[in-house]
């Protein structure tokens, strides 16, 4: 029996450890999402692609080098001439029906000056890489914000469920007491039915709370990229009431810090800068291009009386040249490119302004939600105490036959409404205050 009891204890401890392992803190959720969220990882891949493109544009500043060779075979089935005629090692006639020839060439090309387009392309790609980095950071910020919202909603729903469970216990107790009073002739059957309906409604609210919690968990698991078979729950420890009374930063201070740190603003500023660079690239289509080319090579033929080495020495040649291209009329391509680039600058300015307005509106909304709900929470605390005491007195009087069912139901509804208002204002204050601090550069922490 001792051995059996020890095994049961070990199994219970192991089960509890597994259960604890499935409970996630907010910090664990945020860290896991930053490593595993699909959207974020796609953006990181886009960063790597942009860096590869930057390396390619940098390499275009240097000369290109190419080697080529050609191996050919000739067949003359109707040829009758048996004389082999060569001039300076070059075959001008042969009686061989099958002959082979080989050519080798090494060439170099270097664009010395193209109006500075290549250098501007490097700068343009650097900006693209920086924009990709800001896009990744923006997705990280967005995911963290969404996870925090769902996490807080789960905590709120869990506390709401506890309130509903307490009310369900009270409703069940009142119903049992009502049946006793009905049997004693102190309560009409219709009033007992009302108490039974109250009990059913209270049980329904408990089930509805469980469903709401499960739905919030599902949405949070989706952000964490967890599948259906993964057991998941959030840490049950909830913030105390003092967390709702933390100082709320001013909207102006938050905006002043956010405007210089938020990645969506930095990304929009970089996009505007890139639009100016692209216009600069477009206008350089009017500039001339200077390029340098050089090559060397040789050849040999099997029909020649000379050896391969002699032929290669005799046929070896080198060449070099400077090419200058001046655009005169390019069918309006450069002018059109400039007009498009100029329009893109205007669009980038508007986009930057729009993002600043959106940021300002979001911060103002967080601040309004935080301040108004904090005031509601202060009032709700007093209201909950008074309504709870009122409900306790009415319930006690009902059990002694001094209050009817209508009074009990009304007192219960008032207390339930006060409890929900308190919880809602508490968690809305905490959530919006956390987001305000997050927007001014602080780490998310409940």
Protein backbone atom coordinates (compact mmCIF):
# COMPACT_ATOMS: atom_id res chain seq x y z
CA UNK A 1 0.00 0.00 0.00
CA UNK A 2 2.88 2.37 0.79
CA UNK A 3 4.44 1.60 -2.58
CA UNK A 4 1.09 2.20 -4.30
CA UNK A 5 0.59 5.48 -2.45
CA UNK A 6 4.08 6.65 -3.39
CA UNK A 7 3.44 5.88 -7.06
CA UNK A 8 0.15 7.78 -6.96
CA UNK A 9 1.89 10.76 -5.36
CA UNK A 10 4.62 10.76 -8.02
CA UNK A 11 2.01 10.54 -10.77
CA UNK A 12 0.06 13.43 -9.25
CA UNK A 13 3.21 15.56 -9.00
CA UNK A 14 4.09 14.80 -12.62
CA UNK A 15 0.57 15.71 -13.72
CA UNK A 16 0.71 18.98 -11.81
CA UNK A 17 4.09 19.80 -13.37
CA UNK A 18 2.71 19.16 -16.86
CA UNK A 19 -0.29 21.31 -16.10
CA UNK A 20 1.96 24.14 -14.94
CA UNK A 21 4.05 23.81 -18.09
CA UNK A 22 0.95 24.51 -20.15
CA UNK A 23 0.30 27.80 -18.32
CA UNK A 24 1.81 30.76 -20.15
CA UNK A 25 2.69 34.16 -18.75
CA UNK A 26 2.25 37.23 -20.91
CA UNK A 27 6.03 37.47 -21.32
CA UNK A 28 6.21 33.87 -22.52
CA UNK A 29 3.45 34.52 -25.05
CA UNK A 30 5.21 37.60 -26.40
CA UNK A 31 8.63 35.92 -26.66
CA UNK A 32 7.19 32.81 -28.32
CA UNK A 33 5.25 34.86 -30.88
CA UNK A 34 8.33 36.91 -31.81
CA UNK A 35 10.17 33.67 -32.62
CA UNK A 36 7.38 31.68 -34.27
CA UNK A 37 4.76 33.97 -35.78
CA UNK A 38 4.49 33.32 -39.53
CA UNK A 39 3.99 36.96 -40.53
CA UNK A 40 7.09 38.06 -38.62
CA UNK A 41 9.21 35.24 -40.09
CA UNK A 42 8.05 36.12 -43.61
CA UNK A 43 9.14 39.70 -43.05
CA UNK A 44 12.53 38.50 -41.82
CA UNK A 45 12.93 36.51 -45.02
CA UNK A 46 12.09 39.67 -46.98
CA UNK A 47 14.89 41.41 -45.02
CA UNK A 48 17.39 38.73 -46.08
CA UNK A 49 16.25 39.01 -49.71
CA UNK A 50 16.71 42.77 -49.61
CA UNK A 51 20.22 42.38 -48.19
CA UNK A 52 21.10 39.98 -51.03
CA UNK A 53 19.85 42.53 -53.56
CA UNK A 54 22.00 45.20 -51.89
CA UNK A 55 25.10 43.02 -52.28
CA UNK A 56 24.26 42.56 -55.96
CA UNK A 57 23.92 46.32 -56.56
CA UNK A 58 27.27 46.94 -54.86
CA UNK A 59 28.95 44.37 -57.11
CA UNK A 60 27.67 46.22 -60.19
CA UNK A 61 30.12 49.02 -59.40
CA UNK A 62 32.96 46.71 -60.42
CA UNK A 63 33.92 45.26 -63.83
CA UNK A 64 32.39 42.05 -65.14
CA UNK A 65 34.63 39.24 -66.42
CA UNK A 66 33.53 36.45 -68.78
CA UNK A 67 35.21 33.49 -70.42
CA UNK A 68 33.76 31.73 -73.48
CA UNK A 69 34.85 28.87 -75.74
CA UNK A 70 33.45 27.28 -78.87
CA UNK A 71 34.21 23.75 -80.12
CA UNK A 72 33.10 23.06 -83.71
CA UNK A 73 33.24 20.05 -86.06
CA UNK A 74 32.96 20.32 -89.89
CA UNK A 75 32.15 17.45 -92.28
CA UNK A 76 32.59 17.63 -96.10
CA UNK A 77 31.38 14.31 -97.59
CA UNK A 78 31.62 15.42 -101.28
CA UNK A 79 35.07 17.01 -101.17
CA UNK A 80 37.69 15.53 -103.64
CA UNK A 81 40.60 17.94 -103.27
CA UNK A 82 43.49 16.30 -101.37
CA UNK A 83 45.62 19.42 -101.00
CA UNK A 84 45.89 21.17 -97.66
CA UNK A 85 46.40 24.91 -98.16
CA UNK A 86 47.27 27.24 -95.29
CA UNK A 87 48.25 30.90 -95.07
CA UNK A 88 50.05 32.01 -91.91
CA UNK A 89 48.69 29.00 -90.11
CA UNK A 90 45.09 29.68 -91.22
CA UNK A 91 43.45 26.86 -93.14
CA UNK A 92 42.08 27.97 -96.49
CA UNK A 93 41.41 24.50 -97.89
CA UNK A 94 41.58 20.88 -96.85
CA UNK A 95 40.94 17.43 -98.20
CA UNK A 96 39.96 16.13 -94.78
CA UNK A 97 36.31 15.30 -94.71
CA UNK A 98 36.13 15.88 -90.92
CA UNK A 99 37.86 18.86 -89.29
CA UNK A 100 37.62 20.47 -85.82
CA UNK A 101 38.14 24.01 -84.64
CA UNK A 102 38.31 25.66 -81.20
CA UNK A 103 37.96 29.30 -80.12
CA UNK A 104 38.73 30.85 -76.72
CA UNK A 105 37.85 34.33 -75.49
CA UNK A 106 38.24 36.22 -72.20
CA UNK A 107 36.36 39.53 -72.02
CA UNK A 108 35.93 42.32 -69.50
CA UNK A 109 33.38 45.14 -69.39
CA UNK A 110 33.24 48.04 -66.96
CA UNK A 111 30.75 50.88 -66.83
CA UNK A 112 32.96 53.76 -65.76
CA UNK A 113 30.23 56.41 -65.68
CA UNK A 114 26.49 56.09 -66.13
CA UNK A 115 25.48 59.41 -64.63
CA UNK A 116 25.88 57.98 -61.13
CA UNK A 117 22.90 55.62 -61.52
CA UNK A 118 24.76 52.60 -60.11
CA UNK A 119 25.76 54.51 -56.97
CA UNK A 120 22.22 55.79 -56.55
CA UNK A 121 20.89 52.24 -57.01
CA UNK A 122 23.06 51.14 -54.09
CA UNK A 123 21.65 53.94 -51.92
CA UNK A 124 18.11 53.08 -53.06
CA UNK A 125 18.59 49.42 -52.13
CA UNK A 126 20.05 50.36 -48.75
CA UNK A 127 16.85 52.27 -48.05
CA UNK A 128 14.80 49.26 -49.20
CA UNK A 129 16.70 47.09 -46.70
CA UNK A 130 16.07 49.58 -43.89
CA UNK A 131 12.39 49.77 -44.84
CA UNK A 132 12.19 45.95 -44.71
CA UNK A 133 13.68 46.05 -41.21
CA UNK A 134 11.09 48.61 -40.10
CA UNK A 135 8.32 46.48 -41.64
CA UNK A 136 9.49 43.52 -39.55
CA UNK A 137 9.60 45.65 -36.41
CA UNK A 138 6.13 47.00 -37.17
CA UNK A 139 4.74 43.47 -37.43
CA UNK A 140 6.45 42.60 -34.13
CA UNK A 141 4.87 45.61 -32.42
CA UNK A 142 1.45 44.78 -33.87
CA UNK A 143 1.62 41.15 -32.75
CA UNK A 144 2.67 42.17 -29.23
CA UNK A 145 -0.22 44.63 -29.04
CA UNK A 146 -2.76 42.05 -30.22
CA UNK A 147 -1.46 39.37 -27.84
CA UNK A 148 -1.67 41.77 -24.91
CA UNK A 149 -5.27 42.63 -25.77
CA UNK A 150 -6.35 38.97 -25.95
CA UNK A 151 -4.36 38.09 -22.83
CA UNK A 152 -6.06 40.83 -20.81
CA UNK A 153 -9.46 39.84 -22.22
CA UNK A 154 -8.87 36.28 -21.01
CA UNK A 155 -8.02 37.54 -17.52
CA UNK A 156 -11.15 39.70 -17.55
CA UNK A 157 -13.31 36.78 -18.71
CA UNK A 158 -11.87 34.53 -15.99
CA UNK A 159 -12.73 37.02 -13.26
CA UNK A 160 -16.18 37.51 -14.76
CA UNK A 161 -16.65 33.74 -14.66
CA UNK A 162 -15.79 33.69 -10.94
CA UNK A 163 -18.43 36.36 -10.31
CA UNK A 164 -20.99 34.37 -12.30
CA UNK A 165 -20.12 31.19 -10.38
CA UNK A 166 -20.67 32.94 -7.05
CA UNK A 167 -23.99 34.28 -8.29
CA UNK A 168 -24.94 30.82 -9.57
CA UNK A 169 -24.28 29.36 -6.11
CA UNK A 170 -26.42 32.06 -4.53
CA UNK A 171 -29.19 31.56 -7.11
CA UNK A 172 -29.20 27.82 -6.46
CA UNK A 173 -29.36 28.41 -2.70
CA UNK A 174 -32.29 30.84 -3.14
CA UNK A 175 -34.11 28.34 -5.33
CA UNK A 176 -33.68 25.60 -2.71
CA UNK A 177 -34.89 27.98 -0.03
CA UNK A 178 -37.84 29.02 -2.23
CA UNK A 179 -38.95 25.40 -2.62
CA UNK A 180 -38.89 24.97 1.15
CA UNK A 181 -40.92 28.13 1.63
CA UNK A 182 -43.40 26.97 -1.01
CA UNK A 183 -43.86 23.66 0.82
CA UNK A 184 -44.48 25.62 4.01
CA UNK A 185 -47.03 27.81 2.24
CA UNK A 186 -44.95 30.96 2.51
CA UNK A 187 -44.24 31.34 -1.21
CA UNK A 188 -46.38 31.02 -4.30
CA UNK A 189 -45.53 28.52 -7.02
CA UNK A 190 -45.03 31.37 -9.54
CA UNK A 191 -42.33 32.87 -7.36
CA UNK A 192 -40.54 29.52 -7.11
CA UNK A 193 -40.58 29.36 -10.92
CA UNK A 194 -39.00 32.81 -11.02
CA UNK A 195 -36.23 31.64 -8.68
CA UNK A 196 -35.71 28.58 -10.86
CA UNK A 197 -35.44 30.83 -13.93
CA UNK A 198 -32.88 32.95 -12.06
CA UNK A 199 -30.86 29.80 -11.31
CA UNK A 200 -31.01 28.73 -14.98
CA UNK A 201 -29.89 32.20 -16.11
CA UNK A 202 -27.00 32.15 -13.63
CA UNK A 203 -25.88 28.70 -14.87
CA UNK A 204 -26.13 29.99 -18.45
CA UNK A 205 -23.90 32.96 -17.61
CA UNK A 206 -21.25 30.58 -16.24
CA UNK A 207 -21.32 28.54 -19.47
CA UNK A 208 -21.23 31.73 -21.56
CA UNK A 209 -18.14 32.87 -19.64
CA UNK A 210 -16.41 29.55 -20.31
CA UNK A 211 -17.23 29.85 -24.01
CA UNK A 212 -15.90 33.40 -24.11
CA UNK A 213 -12.65 32.32 -22.42
CA UNK A 214 -12.25 29.45 -24.89
CA UNK A 215 -12.80 31.79 -27.83
CA UNK A 216 -10.23 34.31 -26.58
CA UNK A 217 -7.75 31.45 -26.06
CA UNK A 218 -8.37 30.24 -29.61
CA UNK A 219 -7.58 33.69 -31.01
CA UNK A 220 -4.48 33.98 -28.84
CA UNK A 221 -3.30 30.52 -29.96
CA UNK A 222 -3.75 31.66 -33.56
CA UNK A 223 -1.34 34.55 -32.99
CA UNK A 224 1.10 32.16 -31.31
CA UNK A 225 0.78 29.68 -34.22
CA UNK A 226 -0.32 26.90 -31.84
CA UNK A 227 -2.40 24.09 -33.30
CA UNK A 228 -5.59 22.45 -32.08
CA UNK A 229 -3.82 19.69 -30.15
CA UNK A 230 -1.70 22.04 -28.05
CA UNK A 231 -2.98 22.44 -24.51
CA UNK A 232 -2.89 26.09 -23.60
CA UNK A 233 -3.87 28.35 -20.72
CA UNK A 234 -2.72 31.70 -19.39
CA UNK A 235 -1.36 32.36 -15.95
CA UNK A 236 -4.33 32.51 -13.55
CA UNK A 237 -2.81 35.22 -11.36
CA UNK A 238 -4.65 38.43 -12.15
CA UNK A 239 -3.59 42.05 -11.56
CA UNK A 240 -4.84 43.53 -8.29
CA UNK A 241 -7.05 46.60 -8.10
CA UNK A 242 -4.02 48.84 -7.48
CA UNK A 243 -2.84 48.15 -11.04
CA UNK A 244 -5.85 50.10 -12.29
CA UNK A 245 -4.82 53.11 -10.21
CA UNK A 246 -1.34 53.50 -11.76
CA UNK A 247 -0.46 56.93 -13.09
CA UNK A 248 -1.52 57.44 -16.72
CA UNK A 249 1.02 59.30 -18.91
CA UNK A 250 -0.22 62.28 -20.88
CA UNK A 251 -1.13 61.72 -24.52
CA UNK A 252 1.19 64.54 -25.62
CA UNK A 253 4.22 62.97 -23.89
CA UNK A 254 3.47 59.56 -25.36
CA UNK A 255 3.08 60.99 -28.87
CA UNK A 256 6.31 63.00 -28.59
CA UNK A 257 8.24 59.81 -27.79
CA UNK A 258 6.33 57.58 -30.20
CA UNK A 259 6.85 59.85 -33.22
CA UNK A 260 10.60 59.28 -33.00
CA UNK A 261 10.60 55.56 -32.15
CA UNK A 262 7.62 53.82 -33.76
CA UNK A 263 8.75 51.69 -36.74
CA UNK A 264 5.75 52.58 -38.93
CA UNK A 265 6.78 56.25 -38.76
CA UNK A 266 10.44 55.45 -39.43
CA UNK A 267 9.39 53.24 -42.35
CA UNK A 268 7.26 56.01 -43.86
CA UNK A 269 10.12 58.53 -43.49
CA UNK A 270 12.51 56.11 -45.21
CA UNK A 271 9.98 55.56 -48.00
CA UNK A 272 9.84 59.32 -48.57
CA UNK A 273 13.63 59.49 -48.67
CA UNK A 274 13.68 56.58 -51.13
CA UNK A 275 11.19 58.37 -53.38
CA UNK A 276 13.59 61.33 -53.64
CA UNK A 277 16.45 58.97 -54.52
CA UNK A 278 14.32 57.30 -57.19
CA UNK A 279 13.57 60.71 -58.71
CA UNK A 280 17.31 61.43 -58.74
CA UNK A 281 17.88 58.11 -60.54
CA UNK A 282 15.17 58.93 -63.09
CA UNK A 283 16.62 62.35 -64.02
CA UNK A 284 20.05 60.79 -64.64
CA UNK A 285 18.60 59.13 -67.72
CA UNK A 286 19.61 62.32 -69.55
CA UNK A 287 23.32 61.76 -68.73
CA UNK A 288 25.82 60.01 -71.05
CA UNK A 289 27.26 56.58 -70.31
CA UNK A 290 30.95 55.72 -70.55
CA UNK A 291 32.07 52.10 -70.53
CA UNK A 292 35.37 50.29 -71.04
CA UNK A 293 35.65 46.93 -72.77
CA UNK A 294 38.60 44.58 -73.33
CA UNK A 295 39.06 41.05 -74.59
CA UNK A 296 41.69 38.52 -75.58
CA UNK A 297 41.49 35.13 -77.24
CA UNK A 298 42.85 32.57 -79.67
CA UNK A 299 41.87 29.60 -81.83
CA UNK A 300 43.19 26.44 -83.52
CA UNK A 301 42.01 24.04 -86.22
CA UNK A 302 42.76 20.34 -86.71
CA UNK A 303 43.11 20.81 -90.49
CA UNK A 304 46.17 23.06 -90.03
CA UNK A 305 49.69 21.65 -90.49
CA UNK A 306 50.76 23.65 -87.39
CA UNK A 307 50.58 22.35 -83.85
CA UNK A 308 47.91 23.56 -81.43
CA UNK A 309 50.43 25.69 -79.49
CA UNK A 310 51.77 27.29 -82.69
CA UNK A 311 48.23 28.09 -83.83
CA UNK A 312 47.26 29.60 -80.48
CA UNK A 313 50.36 31.82 -80.52
CA UNK A 314 49.72 32.81 -84.12
CA UNK A 315 46.00 33.48 -83.59
CA UNK A 316 46.27 35.13 -80.15
CA UNK A 317 44.77 38.63 -80.16
CA UNK A 318 43.85 41.37 -77.69
CA UNK A 319 41.56 44.35 -77.99
CA UNK A 320 40.32 47.23 -75.86
CA UNK A 321 37.88 50.00 -76.44
CA UNK A 322 36.09 52.95 -74.86
CA UNK A 323 32.39 53.35 -75.55
CA UNK A 324 30.47 56.60 -75.05
CA UNK A 325 26.68 56.66 -75.36
CA UNK A 326 24.83 60.01 -75.31
CA UNK A 327 21.03 59.89 -75.09
CA UNK A 328 19.39 62.28 -77.56
CA UNK A 329 15.83 61.05 -77.86
CA UNK A 330 14.64 58.06 -75.81
CA UNK A 331 10.96 58.27 -76.78
CA UNK A 332 10.15 60.22 -73.58
CA UNK A 333 11.10 57.34 -71.25
CA UNK A 334 13.26 59.51 -68.97
CA UNK A 335 10.68 62.30 -68.75
CA UNK A 336 7.94 59.79 -67.88
CA UNK A 337 10.13 58.18 -65.24
CA UNK A 338 10.72 61.58 -63.66
CA UNK A 339 7.00 62.38 -63.60
CA UNK A 340 6.19 59.03 -61.98
CA UNK A 341 8.94 59.50 -59.41
CA UNK A 342 7.70 63.01 -58.62
CA UNK A 343 4.18 61.64 -58.06
CA UNK A 344 5.61 58.94 -55.81
CA UNK A 345 7.23 61.62 -53.66
CA UNK A 346 3.81 63.24 -53.16
CA UNK A 347 2.25 59.88 -52.30
CA UNK A 348 5.04 59.14 -49.79
CA UNK A 349 4.50 62.54 -48.10
CA UNK A 350 0.77 61.86 -47.81
CA UNK A 351 1.42 58.37 -46.47
CA UNK A 352 3.78 59.73 -43.80
CA UNK A 353 1.24 62.35 -42.78
CA UNK A 354 -1.51 59.72 -42.64
CA UNK A 355 0.58 57.46 -40.40
CA UNK A 356 1.30 60.36 -38.05
CA UNK A 357 -2.41 61.18 -37.83
CA UNK A 358 -3.26 57.51 -37.23
CA UNK A 359 -0.63 57.29 -34.49
CA UNK A 360 -1.95 60.45 -32.86
CA UNK A 361 -5.53 59.17 -32.99
CA UNK A 362 -4.56 55.76 -31.55
CA UNK A 363 -2.66 57.31 -28.64
CA UNK A 364 -5.48 59.72 -27.93
CA UNK A 365 -7.96 56.83 -27.94
CA UNK A 366 -5.79 54.82 -25.51
CA UNK A 367 -5.52 57.86 -23.24
CA UNK A 368 -9.26 58.55 -23.30
CA UNK A 369 -10.04 54.90 -22.58
CA UNK A 370 -7.53 54.76 -19.73
CA UNK A 371 -8.61 57.98 -18.01
CA UNK A 372 -12.36 57.46 -18.38
CA UNK A 373 -12.22 53.84 -17.22
CA UNK A 374 -10.03 54.75 -14.28
CA UNK A 375 -12.70 57.21 -13.13
CA UNK A 376 -15.37 54.57 -13.70
CA UNK A 377 -13.34 52.08 -11.68
CA UNK A 378 -13.15 54.43 -8.68
CA UNK A 379 -16.93 54.87 -8.75
CA UNK A 380 -17.54 51.18 -9.41
CA UNK A 381 -15.59 50.14 -6.30
CA UNK A 382 -17.97 52.05 -4.06
CA UNK A 383 -21.00 50.90 -6.04
CA UNK A 384 -20.00 47.21 -5.79
CA UNK A 385 -19.68 47.43 -2.00
CA UNK A 386 -23.06 49.10 -1.59
CA UNK A 387 -24.86 46.81 -4.05
CA UNK A 388 -23.28 43.69 -2.53
CA UNK A 389 -24.36 44.75 0.94
CA UNK A 390 -27.84 45.60 -0.34
CA UNK A 391 -28.13 42.20 -2.02
CA UNK A 392 -26.94 40.44 1.15
CA UNK A 393 -29.60 42.19 3.22
CA UNK A 394 -32.39 41.54 0.71
CA UNK A 395 -31.38 37.87 0.47
CA UNK A 396 -31.38 37.53 4.25
CA UNK A 397 -34.80 39.21 4.46
CA UNK A 398 -36.09 36.95 1.71
CA UNK A 399 -35.02 33.87 3.63
CA UNK A 400 -37.04 35.13 6.58
CA UNK A 401 -40.03 35.90 4.38
CA UNK A 402 -39.69 39.69 4.60
CA UNK A 403 -38.89 40.28 0.90
CA UNK A 404 -40.46 38.89 -2.24
CA UNK A 405 -38.82 37.36 -5.28
CA UNK A 406 -38.98 40.57 -7.31
CA UNK A 407 -36.91 42.39 -4.67
CA UNK A 408 -34.32 39.61 -4.69
CA UNK A 409 -34.00 39.54 -8.46
CA UNK A 410 -33.71 43.32 -8.67
CA UNK A 411 -31.01 43.41 -5.99
CA UNK A 412 -29.14 40.57 -7.71
CA UNK A 413 -29.24 42.31 -11.11
CA UNK A 414 -27.96 45.54 -9.56
CA UNK A 415 -25.07 43.74 -7.89
CA UNK A 416 -24.24 41.80 -11.06
CA UNK A 417 -24.22 45.01 -13.10
CA UNK A 418 -21.95 46.72 -10.54
CA UNK A 419 -19.52 43.76 -10.53
CA UNK A 420 -19.30 43.72 -14.32
CA UNK A 421 -18.82 47.48 -14.49
CA UNK A 422 -15.98 47.23 -11.98
CA UNK A 423 -14.22 44.42 -13.84
CA UNK A 424 -14.69 46.04 -17.22
CA UNK A 425 -13.37 49.43 -16.10
CA UNK A 426 -10.47 47.77 -14.23
CA UNK A 427 -9.18 45.78 -17.18
CA UNK A 428 -9.81 48.52 -19.72
CA UNK A 429 -7.75 50.89 -17.57
CA UNK A 430 -4.90 48.39 -17.21
CA UNK A 431 -4.88 47.46 -20.91
CA UNK A 432 -4.92 51.01 -22.26
CA UNK A 433 -2.34 52.21 -19.73
CA UNK A 434 -0.02 49.33 -20.70
CA UNK A 435 -0.45 50.20 -24.39
CA UNK A 436 0.33 53.87 -23.72
CA UNK A 437 3.59 52.87 -22.03
CA UNK A 438 4.32 50.44 -24.88
CA UNK A 439 3.88 53.20 -27.47
CA UNK A 440 6.40 55.38 -25.66
CA UNK A 441 9.01 52.62 -25.80
CA UNK A 442 8.53 50.63 -22.60
CA UNK A 443 8.34 46.83 -22.40
CA UNK A 444 4.87 45.34 -22.03
CA UNK A 445 4.29 44.21 -18.46
CA UNK A 446 1.14 43.71 -16.43
